[in-house]
N, C-alpha and C. Protein backbone atom coordinates (compact mmCIF):
# COMPACT_ATOMS: atom_id res chain seq x y z
N GLU A 1 -31.73 -34.12 17.69
CA GLU A 1 -31.79 -34.82 16.42
C GLU A 1 -30.38 -35.09 15.93
N LYS A 2 -30.12 -36.33 15.57
CA LYS A 2 -28.80 -36.70 15.05
C LYS A 2 -28.70 -36.37 13.57
N HIS A 3 -27.53 -35.93 13.19
CA HIS A 3 -27.27 -35.65 11.78
C HIS A 3 -26.58 -36.86 11.17
N PRO A 4 -26.85 -37.13 9.89
CA PRO A 4 -26.18 -38.27 9.26
C PRO A 4 -24.67 -38.03 9.18
N ILE A 5 -23.94 -39.10 9.25
CA ILE A 5 -22.48 -39.02 9.13
C ILE A 5 -22.10 -39.48 7.74
N PHE A 6 -21.44 -38.60 6.99
CA PHE A 6 -20.99 -38.92 5.65
C PHE A 6 -19.48 -39.07 5.67
N HIS A 7 -18.99 -40.23 5.26
CA HIS A 7 -17.55 -40.40 5.11
C HIS A 7 -17.15 -40.09 3.67
N PHE A 8 -18.08 -40.34 2.76
CA PHE A 8 -17.83 -40.07 1.34
C PHE A 8 -19.07 -39.39 0.78
N LEU A 9 -18.91 -38.21 0.28
CA LEU A 9 -20.00 -37.49 -0.37
C LEU A 9 -19.89 -37.81 -1.85
N GLY A 10 -20.97 -38.29 -2.44
CA GLY A 10 -20.94 -38.59 -3.86
C GLY A 10 -20.24 -37.49 -4.63
N SER A 11 -19.78 -37.77 -5.77
CA SER A 11 -18.99 -36.83 -6.54
C SER A 11 -19.71 -35.50 -6.77
N LEU A 12 -18.99 -34.42 -6.54
CA LEU A 12 -19.48 -33.08 -6.88
C LEU A 12 -18.80 -32.60 -8.16
N ALA A 13 -18.15 -33.52 -8.86
CA ALA A 13 -17.46 -33.17 -10.11
C ALA A 13 -18.47 -32.75 -11.16
N GLU A 14 -18.06 -31.80 -11.98
CA GLU A 14 -18.85 -31.33 -13.12
C GLU A 14 -20.24 -30.85 -12.71
N ASN A 15 -20.32 -30.06 -11.64
CA ASN A 15 -21.60 -29.53 -11.16
C ASN A 15 -21.68 -28.02 -11.26
N GLN A 16 -20.77 -27.41 -12.01
CA GLN A 16 -20.76 -25.96 -12.20
C GLN A 16 -20.71 -25.21 -10.87
N ILE A 17 -19.99 -25.75 -9.90
CA ILE A 17 -19.81 -25.07 -8.61
C ILE A 17 -18.95 -23.85 -8.85
N SER A 18 -19.44 -22.71 -8.38
CA SER A 18 -18.74 -21.43 -8.58
C SER A 18 -18.01 -21.03 -7.30
N ASN A 19 -17.49 -19.81 -7.29
CA ASN A 19 -16.85 -19.28 -6.08
C ASN A 19 -17.82 -19.29 -4.91
N LYS A 20 -19.06 -18.90 -5.17
CA LYS A 20 -20.08 -18.86 -4.10
C LYS A 20 -20.28 -20.25 -3.49
N GLY A 21 -20.40 -21.27 -4.34
CA GLY A 21 -20.57 -22.64 -3.86
C GLY A 21 -19.34 -23.14 -3.14
N ALA A 22 -18.16 -22.78 -3.65
CA ALA A 22 -16.92 -23.20 -3.01
C ALA A 22 -16.78 -22.58 -1.63
N LYS A 23 -17.18 -21.32 -1.50
CA LYS A 23 -17.12 -20.66 -0.19
C LYS A 23 -18.08 -21.31 0.80
N ALA A 24 -19.26 -21.68 0.33
CA ALA A 24 -20.23 -22.36 1.20
C ALA A 24 -19.68 -23.72 1.63
N LEU A 25 -19.08 -24.43 0.71
CA LEU A 25 -18.48 -25.72 1.04
C LEU A 25 -17.32 -25.54 2.01
N ALA A 26 -16.55 -24.49 1.82
CA ALA A 26 -15.42 -24.21 2.73
C ALA A 26 -15.93 -24.00 4.15
N ARG A 27 -17.03 -23.29 4.30
CA ARG A 27 -17.60 -23.09 5.64
C ARG A 27 -18.00 -24.43 6.26
N SER A 28 -18.52 -25.33 5.44
CA SER A 28 -18.90 -26.65 5.92
C SER A 28 -17.67 -27.45 6.33
N LEU A 29 -16.59 -27.31 5.57
CA LEU A 29 -15.37 -28.05 5.90
C LEU A 29 -14.78 -27.60 7.23
N LEU A 30 -15.05 -26.37 7.62
CA LEU A 30 -14.53 -25.88 8.91
C LEU A 30 -15.13 -26.62 10.09
N VAL A 31 -16.34 -27.13 9.93
CA VAL A 31 -17.00 -27.84 11.03
C VAL A 31 -17.12 -29.34 10.75
N ASN A 32 -16.55 -29.79 9.64
CA ASN A 32 -16.61 -31.20 9.26
C ASN A 32 -15.96 -32.08 10.32
N ARG A 33 -16.69 -33.12 10.70
CA ARG A 33 -16.15 -34.09 11.66
C ARG A 33 -16.19 -35.51 11.11
N SER A 34 -16.60 -35.69 9.84
CA SER A 34 -16.72 -37.05 9.34
C SER A 34 -16.36 -37.23 7.86
N LEU A 35 -16.55 -36.23 7.03
CA LEU A 35 -16.31 -36.39 5.59
C LEU A 35 -14.82 -36.59 5.32
N MET A 36 -14.49 -37.70 4.66
CA MET A 36 -13.10 -38.03 4.43
C MET A 36 -12.70 -37.96 2.96
N VAL A 37 -13.66 -38.01 2.03
CA VAL A 37 -13.37 -38.03 0.60
C VAL A 37 -14.30 -37.05 -0.10
N LEU A 38 -13.74 -36.19 -0.93
CA LEU A 38 -14.53 -35.21 -1.66
C LEU A 38 -13.96 -35.04 -3.06
N ASP A 39 -14.81 -35.18 -4.08
CA ASP A 39 -14.40 -35.03 -5.48
C ASP A 39 -15.09 -33.80 -6.04
N MET A 40 -14.29 -32.79 -6.38
CA MET A 40 -14.83 -31.53 -6.91
C MET A 40 -14.21 -31.18 -8.26
N ARG A 41 -13.75 -32.18 -9.00
CA ARG A 41 -13.09 -31.92 -10.28
C ARG A 41 -14.04 -31.26 -11.29
N SER A 42 -13.45 -30.49 -12.18
CA SER A 42 -14.12 -29.89 -13.34
C SER A 42 -15.32 -29.02 -12.94
N ASN A 43 -15.10 -28.06 -12.07
CA ASN A 43 -16.11 -27.09 -11.70
C ASN A 43 -15.65 -25.71 -12.15
N SER A 44 -16.37 -24.69 -11.77
CA SER A 44 -16.06 -23.31 -12.19
C SER A 44 -15.55 -22.48 -11.01
N ILE A 45 -14.70 -23.07 -10.21
CA ILE A 45 -14.19 -22.39 -9.02
C ILE A 45 -13.01 -21.51 -9.42
N GLY A 46 -13.12 -20.23 -9.07
CA GLY A 46 -12.07 -19.27 -9.38
C GLY A 46 -11.12 -19.09 -8.20
N PRO A 47 -10.25 -18.10 -8.27
CA PRO A 47 -9.25 -17.87 -7.22
C PRO A 47 -9.83 -17.63 -5.83
N THR A 48 -10.92 -16.89 -5.72
CA THR A 48 -11.45 -16.62 -4.37
C THR A 48 -12.08 -17.87 -3.76
N GLY A 49 -12.74 -18.67 -4.58
CA GLY A 49 -13.30 -19.92 -4.08
C GLY A 49 -12.21 -20.90 -3.69
N ALA A 50 -11.16 -20.96 -4.51
CA ALA A 50 -10.03 -21.85 -4.22
C ALA A 50 -9.33 -21.44 -2.93
N LYS A 51 -9.19 -20.14 -2.71
CA LYS A 51 -8.55 -19.67 -1.48
C LYS A 51 -9.39 -20.02 -0.26
N ALA A 52 -10.71 -19.88 -0.37
CA ALA A 52 -11.60 -20.23 0.75
C ALA A 52 -11.46 -21.71 1.09
N LEU A 53 -11.42 -22.55 0.06
CA LEU A 53 -11.25 -23.99 0.29
C LEU A 53 -9.88 -24.29 0.91
N ALA A 54 -8.84 -23.65 0.39
CA ALA A 54 -7.49 -23.88 0.91
C ALA A 54 -7.39 -23.47 2.38
N ASP A 55 -7.99 -22.33 2.73
CA ASP A 55 -7.96 -21.87 4.11
C ASP A 55 -8.71 -22.84 5.03
N ALA A 56 -9.85 -23.36 4.54
CA ALA A 56 -10.62 -24.31 5.35
C ALA A 56 -9.84 -25.61 5.54
N LEU A 57 -9.15 -26.05 4.49
CA LEU A 57 -8.41 -27.30 4.58
C LEU A 57 -7.21 -27.21 5.52
N LYS A 58 -6.72 -26.02 5.77
CA LYS A 58 -5.63 -25.85 6.74
C LYS A 58 -6.10 -26.22 8.13
N LYS A 59 -7.41 -26.05 8.38
CA LYS A 59 -7.97 -26.32 9.71
C LYS A 59 -8.66 -27.67 9.79
N ASN A 60 -9.05 -28.23 8.66
CA ASN A 60 -9.76 -29.50 8.63
C ASN A 60 -8.76 -30.64 8.68
N GLN A 61 -8.89 -31.50 9.68
CA GLN A 61 -7.96 -32.62 9.80
C GLN A 61 -8.64 -33.95 9.55
N ILE A 62 -9.86 -33.92 9.06
CA ILE A 62 -10.62 -35.15 8.80
C ILE A 62 -10.55 -35.56 7.33
N LEU A 63 -10.68 -34.57 6.43
CA LEU A 63 -10.69 -34.87 5.00
C LEU A 63 -9.35 -35.43 4.57
N LEU A 64 -9.38 -36.62 3.96
CA LEU A 64 -8.14 -37.28 3.55
C LEU A 64 -7.88 -37.18 2.05
N SER A 65 -8.94 -37.01 1.26
CA SER A 65 -8.79 -36.98 -0.18
C SER A 65 -9.68 -35.90 -0.78
N LEU A 66 -9.07 -35.01 -1.55
CA LEU A 66 -9.79 -33.98 -2.28
C LEU A 66 -9.30 -34.00 -3.71
N LYS A 67 -10.22 -34.23 -4.63
CA LYS A 67 -9.86 -34.24 -6.05
C LYS A 67 -10.48 -33.03 -6.70
């Protein structure tokens, strides 16, 4: 079964994403092969969620824009 390819995921801004959500998204970014734009402005991500995202972005070479 083929999975859909997303180059742009609709805005995740203002969705009350917490550390738990940020960590889940970070795990997804580790295997991302298509998503190029992600908007996560104005969420509730704390230091641990931000670190998980930062660590994932060090390995992700596909994502071009993160807001």
